[in-house]
């Protein structure tokens, strides 16, 4: 833990160890928020890989004039991004101060 506070990039550790005085004092809402956040990071990394593969395929299909293939690749991208858009508000709501 860097000790610089939330602005230094170690915000979660700062919150757990300074505000709650250790992981054993953290409520369920923080664990839920952290778990969903980790899932979102994994999905984001997957999106980056799949997005660029799908984007290349979509770009090739556009050049070839194959609108069915363009739609298929666009659907893959939309599905991946849409799932994270749903998880975002759930993450924010799960970590609210009203859970205390």
N, C-alpha and C. Protein backbone atom coordinates (compact mmCIF):
# COMPACT_ATOMS: atom_id res chain seq x y z
N UNK A 1 0.84 -1.18 0.00
CA UNK A 1 0.00 0.00 0.00
C UNK A 1 0.88 1.24 0.00
N UNK A 2 0.64 2.12 -0.96
CA UNK A 2 1.49 3.28 -1.15
C UNK A 2 1.36 4.35 -0.09
N UNK A 3 0.22 4.48 0.57
CA UNK A 3 0.06 5.46 1.62
C UNK A 3 -0.33 6.84 1.12
N UNK A 4 -0.42 7.02 -0.20
CA UNK A 4 -0.73 8.32 -0.74
C UNK A 4 -2.21 8.63 -0.77
N UNK A 5 -3.04 7.72 -0.35
CA UNK A 5 -4.48 7.95 -0.36
C UNK A 5 -5.09 7.58 -1.70
N UNK A 6 -6.39 7.83 -1.84
CA UNK A 6 -7.10 7.40 -3.04
C UNK A 6 -6.58 8.04 -4.33
N UNK A 7 -6.06 9.26 -4.24
CA UNK A 7 -5.58 9.94 -5.45
C UNK A 7 -4.33 9.29 -6.01
N UNK A 8 -3.62 8.51 -5.20
CA UNK A 8 -2.37 7.90 -5.65
C UNK A 8 -2.60 6.60 -6.41
N UNK A 9 -3.85 6.17 -6.56
CA UNK A 9 -4.13 4.97 -7.34
C UNK A 9 -4.36 3.72 -6.51
N UNK A 10 -4.20 3.83 -5.21
CA UNK A 10 -4.44 2.66 -4.36
C UNK A 10 -5.70 2.88 -3.52
N UNK A 11 -6.73 3.40 -4.15
CA UNK A 11 -7.96 3.79 -3.47
C UNK A 11 -8.64 2.68 -2.72
N UNK A 12 -8.76 1.49 -3.33
CA UNK A 12 -9.45 0.39 -2.66
C UNK A 12 -8.68 -0.04 -1.42
N UNK A 13 -7.38 -0.18 -1.53
CA UNK A 13 -6.58 -0.57 -0.36
C UNK A 13 -6.66 0.50 0.72
N UNK A 14 -6.62 1.76 0.31
CA UNK A 14 -6.72 2.85 1.26
C UNK A 14 -8.06 2.79 1.99
N UNK A 15 -9.14 2.56 1.23
CA UNK A 15 -10.46 2.49 1.83
C UNK A 15 -10.55 1.33 2.84
N UNK A 16 -10.05 0.17 2.44
CA UNK A 16 -10.15 -1.01 3.31
C UNK A 16 -9.32 -0.84 4.58
N UNK A 17 -8.08 -0.39 4.45
CA UNK A 17 -7.18 -0.38 5.61
C UNK A 17 -7.25 0.90 6.43
N UNK A 18 -7.64 2.02 5.85
CA UNK A 18 -7.73 3.26 6.62
C UNK A 18 -9.15 3.51 7.13
N UNK A 19 -10.13 3.33 6.25
CA UNK A 19 -11.51 3.61 6.65
C UNK A 19 -12.09 2.50 7.50
N UNK A 20 -11.92 1.26 7.08
CA UNK A 20 -12.51 0.11 7.78
C UNK A 20 -11.54 -0.58 8.73
N UNK A 21 -10.29 -0.17 8.76
CA UNK A 21 -9.26 -0.72 9.62
C UNK A 21 -9.05 -2.22 9.43
N UNK A 22 -9.08 -2.68 8.19
CA UNK A 22 -8.79 -4.07 7.87
C UNK A 22 -9.91 -4.77 7.14
N UNK A 23 -9.55 -5.83 6.43
CA UNK A 23 -10.50 -6.56 5.60
C UNK A 23 -11.60 -7.22 6.43
N UNK A 24 -11.31 -7.56 7.68
CA UNK A 24 -12.31 -8.23 8.51
C UNK A 24 -13.45 -7.29 8.90
N UNK A 25 -13.26 -5.99 8.79
CA UNK A 25 -14.30 -5.03 9.15
C UNK A 25 -15.09 -4.52 7.95
N UNK A 26 -14.72 -4.98 6.78
CA UNK A 26 -15.39 -4.52 5.56
C UNK A 26 -16.72 -5.27 5.42
N UNK A 27 -17.76 -4.54 5.08
CA UNK A 27 -19.08 -5.16 4.94
C UNK A 27 -19.21 -5.95 3.65
N UNK A 28 -20.28 -6.70 3.57
CA UNK A 28 -20.57 -7.52 2.40
C UNK A 28 -20.66 -6.67 1.13
N UNK A 29 -21.19 -5.46 1.27
CA UNK A 29 -21.35 -4.59 0.10
C UNK A 29 -20.01 -4.29 -0.58
N UNK A 30 -18.95 -4.15 0.21
CA UNK A 30 -17.63 -3.87 -0.37
C UNK A 30 -17.10 -5.12 -1.08
N UNK A 31 -17.33 -6.28 -0.51
CA UNK A 31 -16.90 -7.52 -1.17
C UNK A 31 -17.64 -7.72 -2.48
N UNK A 32 -18.94 -7.43 -2.48
CA UNK A 32 -19.72 -7.55 -3.71
C UNK A 32 -19.21 -6.58 -4.76
N UNK A 33 -18.98 -5.34 -4.35
CA UNK A 33 -18.48 -4.32 -5.27
C UNK A 33 -17.12 -4.72 -5.84
N UNK A 34 -16.24 -5.20 -5.00
CA UNK A 34 -14.90 -5.59 -5.44
C UNK A 34 -14.97 -6.78 -6.40
N UNK A 35 -15.81 -7.77 -6.09
CA UNK A 35 -15.93 -8.95 -6.95
C UNK A 35 -16.47 -8.57 -8.32
N UNK A 36 -17.53 -7.76 -8.35
CA UNK A 36 -18.08 -7.34 -9.64
C UNK A 36 -17.06 -6.52 -10.41
N UNK A 37 -16.31 -5.69 -9.70
CA UNK A 37 -15.27 -4.90 -10.36
C UNK A 37 -14.19 -5.77 -11.00
N UNK A 38 -13.79 -6.82 -10.32
CA UNK A 38 -12.80 -7.74 -10.88
C UNK A 38 -13.36 -8.46 -12.10
N UNK A 39 -14.64 -8.86 -12.02
CA UNK A 39 -15.29 -9.49 -13.18
C UNK A 39 -15.31 -8.52 -14.35
N UNK A 40 -15.62 -7.25 -14.07
CA UNK A 40 -15.65 -6.25 -15.15
C UNK A 40 -14.28 -6.05 -15.78
N UNK A 41 -13.23 -6.09 -14.97
CA UNK A 41 -11.87 -5.96 -15.51
C UNK A 41 -11.57 -7.13 -16.44
N UNK A 42 -11.91 -8.34 -16.00
CA UNK A 42 -11.71 -9.52 -16.85
C UNK A 42 -12.49 -9.43 -18.14
N UNK A 43 -13.74 -8.98 -18.04
CA UNK A 43 -14.56 -8.82 -19.25
C UNK A 43 -13.97 -7.75 -20.16
N UNK A 44 -13.47 -6.66 -19.56
CA UNK A 44 -12.87 -5.59 -20.36
C UNK A 44 -11.67 -6.11 -21.15
N UNK A 45 -10.82 -6.88 -20.48
CA UNK A 45 -9.66 -7.44 -21.17
C UNK A 45 -10.09 -8.39 -22.28
N UNK A 46 -11.14 -9.17 -22.03
CA UNK A 46 -11.68 -10.05 -23.07
C UNK A 46 -12.25 -9.23 -24.22
N UNK A 47 -12.95 -8.15 -23.88
CA UNK A 47 -13.51 -7.28 -24.91
C UNK A 47 -12.40 -6.71 -25.79
N UNK A 48 -11.30 -6.29 -25.17
CA UNK A 48 -10.20 -5.72 -25.95
C UNK A 48 -9.71 -6.71 -26.99
N UNK A 49 -9.52 -7.96 -26.59
CA UNK A 49 -9.02 -8.98 -27.53
C UNK A 49 -10.08 -9.30 -28.58
N UNK A 50 -11.28 -9.61 -28.12
CA UNK A 50 -12.35 -9.99 -29.04
C UNK A 50 -12.76 -8.82 -29.91
N UNK A 51 -12.77 -7.61 -29.32
CA UNK A 51 -13.16 -6.43 -30.09
C UNK A 51 -12.24 -6.24 -31.28
N UNK A 52 -10.95 -6.30 -31.06
CA UNK A 52 -10.04 -6.05 -32.16
C UNK A 52 -10.10 -7.15 -33.22
N UNK A 53 -10.32 -8.38 -32.79
CA UNK A 53 -10.50 -9.46 -33.76
C UNK A 53 -11.79 -9.24 -34.53
N UNK A 54 -12.88 -8.96 -33.80
CA UNK A 54 -14.18 -8.72 -34.45
C UNK A 54 -14.14 -7.48 -35.32
N UNK A 55 -13.44 -6.45 -34.85
CA UNK A 55 -13.35 -5.21 -35.63
C UNK A 55 -12.62 -5.45 -36.95
N UNK A 56 -11.54 -6.21 -36.91
CA UNK A 56 -10.82 -6.52 -38.15
C UNK A 56 -11.71 -7.30 -39.12
N UNK A 57 -12.43 -8.28 -38.58
CA UNK A 57 -13.34 -9.05 -39.43
C UNK A 57 -14.45 -8.16 -39.99
N UNK A 58 -14.96 -7.27 -39.14
CA UNK A 58 -16.02 -6.38 -39.59
C UNK A 58 -15.50 -5.43 -40.67
N UNK A 59 -14.31 -4.93 -40.48
CA UNK A 59 -13.70 -4.02 -41.46
C UNK A 59 -13.51 -4.73 -42.80
N UNK A 60 -13.05 -5.97 -42.75
CA UNK A 60 -12.88 -6.76 -43.98
C UNK A 60 -14.22 -7.01 -44.66
N UNK A 61 -15.25 -7.28 -43.85
CA UNK A 61 -16.58 -7.52 -44.41
C UNK A 61 -17.16 -6.26 -45.04
N UNK A 62 -16.86 -5.11 -44.44
CA UNK A 62 -17.33 -3.84 -45.02
C UNK A 62 -16.69 -3.63 -46.38
N UNK A 63 -15.38 -3.86 -46.47
CA UNK A 63 -14.66 -3.70 -47.74
C UNK A 63 -15.22 -4.67 -48.78
N UNK A 64 -15.54 -5.89 -48.34
CA UNK A 64 -16.07 -6.91 -49.25
C UNK A 64 -17.55 -6.69 -49.57
N UNK A 65 -18.21 -5.82 -48.82
CA UNK A 65 -19.63 -5.56 -49.05
C UNK A 65 -20.55 -6.64 -48.50
N UNK A 66 -20.08 -7.42 -47.54
CA UNK A 66 -20.87 -8.50 -46.94
C UNK A 66 -21.58 -7.97 -45.70
N UNK A 67 -22.78 -7.45 -45.87
CA UNK A 67 -23.51 -6.83 -44.77
C UNK A 67 -23.93 -7.84 -43.69
N UNK A 68 -24.15 -9.09 -44.06
CA UNK A 68 -24.51 -10.11 -43.06
C UNK A 68 -23.34 -10.35 -42.10
N UNK A 69 -22.14 -10.43 -42.63
CA UNK A 69 -20.96 -10.63 -41.78
C UNK A 69 -20.69 -9.40 -40.92
N UNK A 70 -20.95 -8.21 -41.47
CA UNK A 70 -20.79 -6.98 -40.69
C UNK A 70 -21.74 -7.01 -39.49
N UNK A 71 -22.99 -7.36 -39.74
CA UNK A 71 -23.97 -7.43 -38.66
C UNK A 71 -23.61 -8.44 -37.60
N UNK A 72 -23.07 -9.57 -38.02
CA UNK A 72 -22.68 -10.62 -37.07
C UNK A 72 -21.56 -10.13 -36.15
N UNK A 73 -20.54 -9.50 -36.73
CA UNK A 73 -19.42 -9.01 -35.92
C UNK A 73 -19.85 -7.85 -35.03
N UNK A 74 -20.71 -7.00 -35.54
CA UNK A 74 -21.21 -5.88 -34.74
C UNK A 74 -22.03 -6.39 -33.55
N UNK A 75 -22.78 -7.46 -33.75
CA UNK A 75 -23.56 -8.06 -32.66
C UNK A 75 -22.66 -8.60 -31.56
N UNK A 76 -21.53 -9.18 -31.93
CA UNK A 76 -20.57 -9.69 -30.94
C UNK A 76 -20.04 -8.54 -30.09
N UNK A 77 -19.66 -7.45 -30.75
CA UNK A 77 -19.13 -6.29 -30.04
C UNK A 77 -20.20 -5.70 -29.12
N UNK A 78 -21.41 -5.53 -29.61
CA UNK A 78 -22.50 -4.96 -28.81
C UNK A 78 -22.80 -5.82 -27.58
N UNK A 79 -22.80 -7.12 -27.74
CA UNK A 79 -23.10 -8.02 -26.62
C UNK A 79 -22.04 -7.90 -25.53
N UNK A 80 -20.78 -7.85 -25.91
CA UNK A 80 -19.71 -7.75 -24.93
C UNK A 80 -19.74 -6.42 -24.19
N UNK A 81 -19.91 -5.35 -24.92
CA UNK A 81 -19.93 -4.02 -24.30
C UNK A 81 -21.21 -3.86 -23.47
N UNK A 82 -22.32 -4.35 -23.96
CA UNK A 82 -23.59 -4.23 -23.24
C UNK A 82 -23.57 -4.91 -21.88
N UNK A 83 -22.90 -6.04 -21.78
CA UNK A 83 -22.82 -6.74 -20.49
C UNK A 83 -22.09 -5.89 -19.46
N UNK A 84 -21.01 -5.23 -19.85
CA UNK A 84 -20.29 -4.37 -18.90
C UNK A 84 -21.11 -3.12 -18.56
N UNK A 85 -21.90 -2.64 -19.50
CA UNK A 85 -22.76 -1.49 -19.21
C UNK A 85 -23.82 -1.84 -18.17
N UNK A 86 -24.23 -3.08 -18.13
CA UNK A 86 -25.19 -3.53 -17.11
C UNK A 86 -24.48 -3.72 -15.77
N UNK A 87 -23.27 -4.26 -15.79
CA UNK A 87 -22.54 -4.51 -14.55
C UNK A 87 -22.09 -3.22 -13.85
N UNK A 88 -21.84 -2.17 -14.60
CA UNK A 88 -21.37 -0.90 -14.02
C UNK A 88 -22.30 -0.34 -12.96
N UNK A 89 -23.57 -0.08 -13.29
CA UNK A 89 -24.48 0.45 -12.26
C UNK A 89 -24.70 -0.51 -11.09
N UNK A 90 -24.65 -1.81 -11.35
CA UNK A 90 -24.78 -2.79 -10.26
C UNK A 90 -23.61 -2.64 -9.29
N UNK A 91 -22.41 -2.44 -9.84
CA UNK A 91 -21.22 -2.24 -9.01
C UNK A 91 -21.35 -0.99 -8.15
N UNK A 92 -21.79 0.09 -8.76
CA UNK A 92 -21.95 1.35 -8.03
C UNK A 92 -23.02 1.20 -6.94
N UNK A 93 -24.14 0.60 -7.28
CA UNK A 93 -25.22 0.44 -6.31
C UNK A 93 -24.82 -0.48 -5.16
N UNK A 94 -24.02 -1.50 -5.43
CA UNK A 94 -23.64 -2.44 -4.37
C UNK A 94 -22.68 -1.83 -3.36
N UNK A 95 -21.97 -0.79 -3.73
CA UNK A 95 -20.99 -0.20 -2.82
C UNK A 95 -21.48 1.05 -2.13
N UNK A 96 -22.77 1.33 -2.21
CA UNK A 96 -23.32 2.56 -1.63
C UNK A 96 -23.22 2.61 -0.13
N UNK A 97 -23.12 3.81 0.41
CA UNK A 97 -23.00 4.01 1.85
C UNK A 97 -24.27 3.63 2.60
N UNK A 98 -25.39 3.53 1.90
CA UNK A 98 -26.65 3.19 2.55
C UNK A 98 -26.72 1.74 2.99
N UNK A 99 -25.72 0.94 2.68
CA UNK A 99 -25.69 -0.49 3.07
C UNK A 99 -25.20 -0.66 4.51
N UNK A 100 -24.67 0.35 5.10
CA UNK A 100 -24.07 0.21 6.44
C UNK A 100 -25.07 -0.13 7.49
